[in-house]
C-alpha atoms as a PDB file:
ATOM      1  CA  MET A   1      -0.299  20.876 -73.807  1.00  0.00           C
ATOM      2  CA  THR A   2       3.366  20.611 -74.646  1.00  0.00           C
ATOM      3  CA  GLU A   3       5.901  23.256 -73.645  1.00  0.00           C
ATOM      4  CA  GLU A   4       6.127  24.243 -77.315  1.00  0.00           C
ATOM      5  CA  GLN A   5       2.354  24.755 -77.514  1.00  0.00           C
ATOM      6  CA  LEU A   6       2.355  26.777 -74.291  1.00  0.00           C
ATOM      7  CA  SER A   7       5.162  28.911 -75.721  1.00  0.00           C
ATOM      8  CA  ILE A   8       3.064  29.549 -78.835  1.00  0.00           C
ATOM      9  CA  ILE A   9       0.138  30.587 -76.618  1.00  0.00           C
ATOM     10  CA  ASP A  10       2.482  32.964 -74.734  1.00  0.00           C
ATOM     11  CA  ASP A  11       3.751  34.578 -77.921  1.00  0.00           C
ATOM     12  CA  MET A  12       0.417  34.896 -79.683  1.00  0.00           C
ATOM     13  CA  ALA A  13      -1.481  36.155 -76.621  1.00  0.00           C
ATOM     14  CA  ALA A  14       1.270  38.712 -76.017  1.00  0.00           C
ATOM     15  CA  HIS A  15       0.568  39.995 -79.527  1.00  0.00           C
ATOM     16  CA  PHE A  16      -3.215  40.110 -78.921  1.00  0.00           C
ATOM     17  CA  MET A  17      -4.164  37.267 -81.237  1.00  0.00           C
ATOM     18  CA  THR A  18      -7.616  35.812 -80.629  1.00  0.00           C
ATOM     19  CA  PRO A  19      -8.201  32.412 -79.038  1.00  0.00           C
ATOM     20  CA  LYS A  20      -9.598  31.175 -82.361  1.00  0.00           C
ATOM     21  CA  GLU A  21      -6.433  32.237 -84.192  1.00  0.00           C
ATOM     22  CA  ILE A  22      -4.287  30.550 -81.563  1.00  0.00           C
ATOM     23  CA  ALA A  23      -6.309  27.326 -81.808  1.00  0.00           C
ATOM     24  CA  ILE A  24      -5.824  27.322 -85.587  1.00  0.00           C
ATOM     25  CA  VAL A  25      -2.041  27.676 -85.265  1.00  0.00           C
ATOM     26  CA  LEU A  26      -1.921  25.022 -82.544  1.00  0.00           C
ATOM     27  CA  GLU A  27      -4.126  22.781 -84.693  1.00  0.00           C
ATOM     28  CA  VAL A  28      -6.433  22.039 -81.753  1.00  0.00           C
ATOM     29  CA  ASP A  29     -10.210  21.989 -81.463  1.00  0.00           C
ATOM     30  CA  TYR A  30     -11.402  25.549 -80.880  1.00  0.00           C
ATOM     31  CA  GLU A  31     -14.203  24.636 -78.451  1.00  0.00           C
ATOM     32  CA  SER A  32     -11.838  22.561 -76.304  1.00  0.00           C
ATOM     33  CA  PHE A  33      -9.272  25.352 -76.318  1.00  0.00           C
ATOM     34  CA  GLN A  34     -11.935  27.932 -75.428  1.00  0.00           C
ATOM     35  CA  LEU A  35     -13.056  25.717 -72.557  1.00  0.00           C
ATOM     36  CA  ALA A  36      -9.459  25.493 -71.275  1.00  0.00           C
ATOM     37  CA  LEU A  37      -9.161  29.293 -71.470  1.00  0.00           C
ATOM     38  CA  SER A  38     -12.215  29.652 -69.248  1.00  0.00           C
ATOM     39  CA  ASP A  39     -10.764  27.347 -66.561  1.00  0.00           C
ATOM     40  CA  PRO A  40      -8.545  29.346 -64.149  1.00  0.00           C
ATOM     41  CA  THR A  41      -6.789  26.136 -63.106  1.00  0.00           C
ATOM     42  CA  SER A  42      -5.589  25.229 -66.626  1.00  0.00           C
ATOM     43  CA  GLN A  43      -2.139  25.911 -68.030  1.00  0.00           C
ATOM     44  CA  GLU A  44      -3.719  27.403 -71.134  1.00  0.00           C
ATOM     45  CA  TYR A  45      -5.652  29.946 -69.048  1.00  0.00           C
ATOM     46  CA  SER A  46      -2.545  30.908 -67.089  1.00  0.00           C
ATOM     47  CA  HIS A  47      -0.299  31.304 -70.128  1.00  0.00           C
ATOM     48  CA  TYR A  48      -2.871  33.137 -72.240  1.00  0.00           C
ATOM     49  CA  HIS A  49      -3.939  35.671 -69.629  1.00  0.00           C
ATOM     50  CA  LYS A  50      -0.495  36.264 -68.124  1.00  0.00           C
ATOM     51  CA  SER A  51       1.037  36.963 -71.545  1.00  0.00           C
ATOM     52  CA  LYS A  52      -1.773  39.273 -72.590  1.00  0.00           C
ATOM     53  CA  ILE A  53      -1.696  41.198 -69.296  1.00  0.00           C
ATOM     54  CA  THR A  54       2.100  41.487 -69.417  1.00  0.00           C
ATOM     55  CA  SER A  55       1.896  43.096 -72.874  1.00  0.00           C
ATOM     56  CA  ILE A  56      -0.817  45.478 -71.717  1.00  0.00           C
ATOM     57  CA  LEU A  57       1.390  46.468 -68.788  1.00  0.00           C
ATOM     58  CA  GLU A  58       4.372  47.125 -71.093  1.00  0.00           C
ATOM     59  CA  ILE A  59       2.241  49.359 -73.305  1.00  0.00           C
ATOM     60  CA  ARG A  60       0.747  51.228 -70.352  1.00  0.00           C
ATOM     61  CA  ARG A  61       4.219  51.835 -68.916  1.00  0.00           C
ATOM     62  CA  LYS A  62       5.211  53.506 -72.179  1.00  0.00           C
ATOM     63  CA  VAL A  63       2.021  55.569 -72.288  1.00  0.00           C
ATOM     64  CA  VAL A  64       2.436  56.728 -68.666  1.00  0.00           C
ATOM     65  CA  LYS A  65       6.058  57.666 -69.380  1.00  0.00           C
ATOM     66  CA  MET A  66       4.932  59.679 -72.412  1.00  0.00           C
ATOM     67  CA  ALA A  67       2.208  61.365 -70.333  1.00  0.00           C
ATOM     68  CA  LYS A  68       4.738  62.339 -67.683  1.00  0.00           C
ATOM     69  CA  SER A  69       6.843  63.844 -70.469  1.00  0.00           C
ATOM     70  CA  GLY A  70       3.922  66.055 -71.484  1.00  0.00           C
ATOM     71  CA  SER A  71       2.207  64.214 -74.354  1.00  0.00           C
ATOM     72  CA  PRO A  72      -1.432  65.411 -74.420  1.00  0.00           C
ATOM     73  CA  GLN A  73      -2.587  62.253 -76.215  1.00  0.00           C
ATOM     74  CA  ALA A  74      -0.862  60.052 -73.650  1.00  0.00           C
ATOM     75  CA  GLU A  75      -2.327  62.128 -70.819  1.00  0.00           C
ATOM     76  CA  MET A  76      -5.819  61.452 -72.190  1.00  0.00           C
ATOM     77  CA  LEU A  77      -5.100  57.722 -72.362  1.00  0.00           C
ATOM     78  CA  VAL A  78      -3.752  57.670 -68.797  1.00  0.00           C
ATOM     79  CA  THR A  79      -6.852  59.509 -67.588  1.00  0.00           C
ATOM     80  CA  GLY A  80      -8.896  56.755 -69.228  1.00  0.00           C
ATOM     81  CA  PHE A  81      -6.772  54.084 -67.514  1.00  0.00           C
ATOM     82  CA  MET A  82      -7.309  55.780 -64.148  1.00  0.00           C
ATOM     83  CA  ASN A  83     -11.070  56.080 -64.654  1.00  0.00           C
ATOM     84  CA  GLU A  84     -11.304  52.442 -65.732  1.00  0.00           C
ATOM     85  CA  GLN A  85      -9.344  51.347 -62.666  1.00  0.00           C
ATOM     86  CA  LYS A  86     -11.526  53.447 -60.364  1.00  0.00           C
ATOM     87  CA  ILE A  87     -14.717  51.935 -61.792  1.00  0.00           C
ATOM     88  CA  LYS A  88     -13.387  48.382 -61.482  1.00  0.00           C
ATOM     89  CA  GLU A  89     -12.202  48.960 -57.910  1.00  0.00           C
ATOM     90  CA  GLU A  90     -15.659  50.165 -56.847  1.00  0.00           C
ATOM     91  CA  PHE A  91     -17.203  46.766 -57.609  1.00  0.00           C
END
């Protein structure tokens, strides 16, 4: 992949676009792209997952901040985050 293509993956993954949508924009074979996304050693995997996780972190930071400020809806979301983390850590 070129740096430009990797940058497109970064941007689209950060905005929660699907792998199929990204493959269409990149004009690459979807199955090949999907295979690259399942290989932890590929650049595509690294860019896609890092960008998506970074966006999730940004959103969660905002939600936690809102919860600490007293937002009941945000508090419910944070409770869900904590429960999800606890379940994942037990395995």
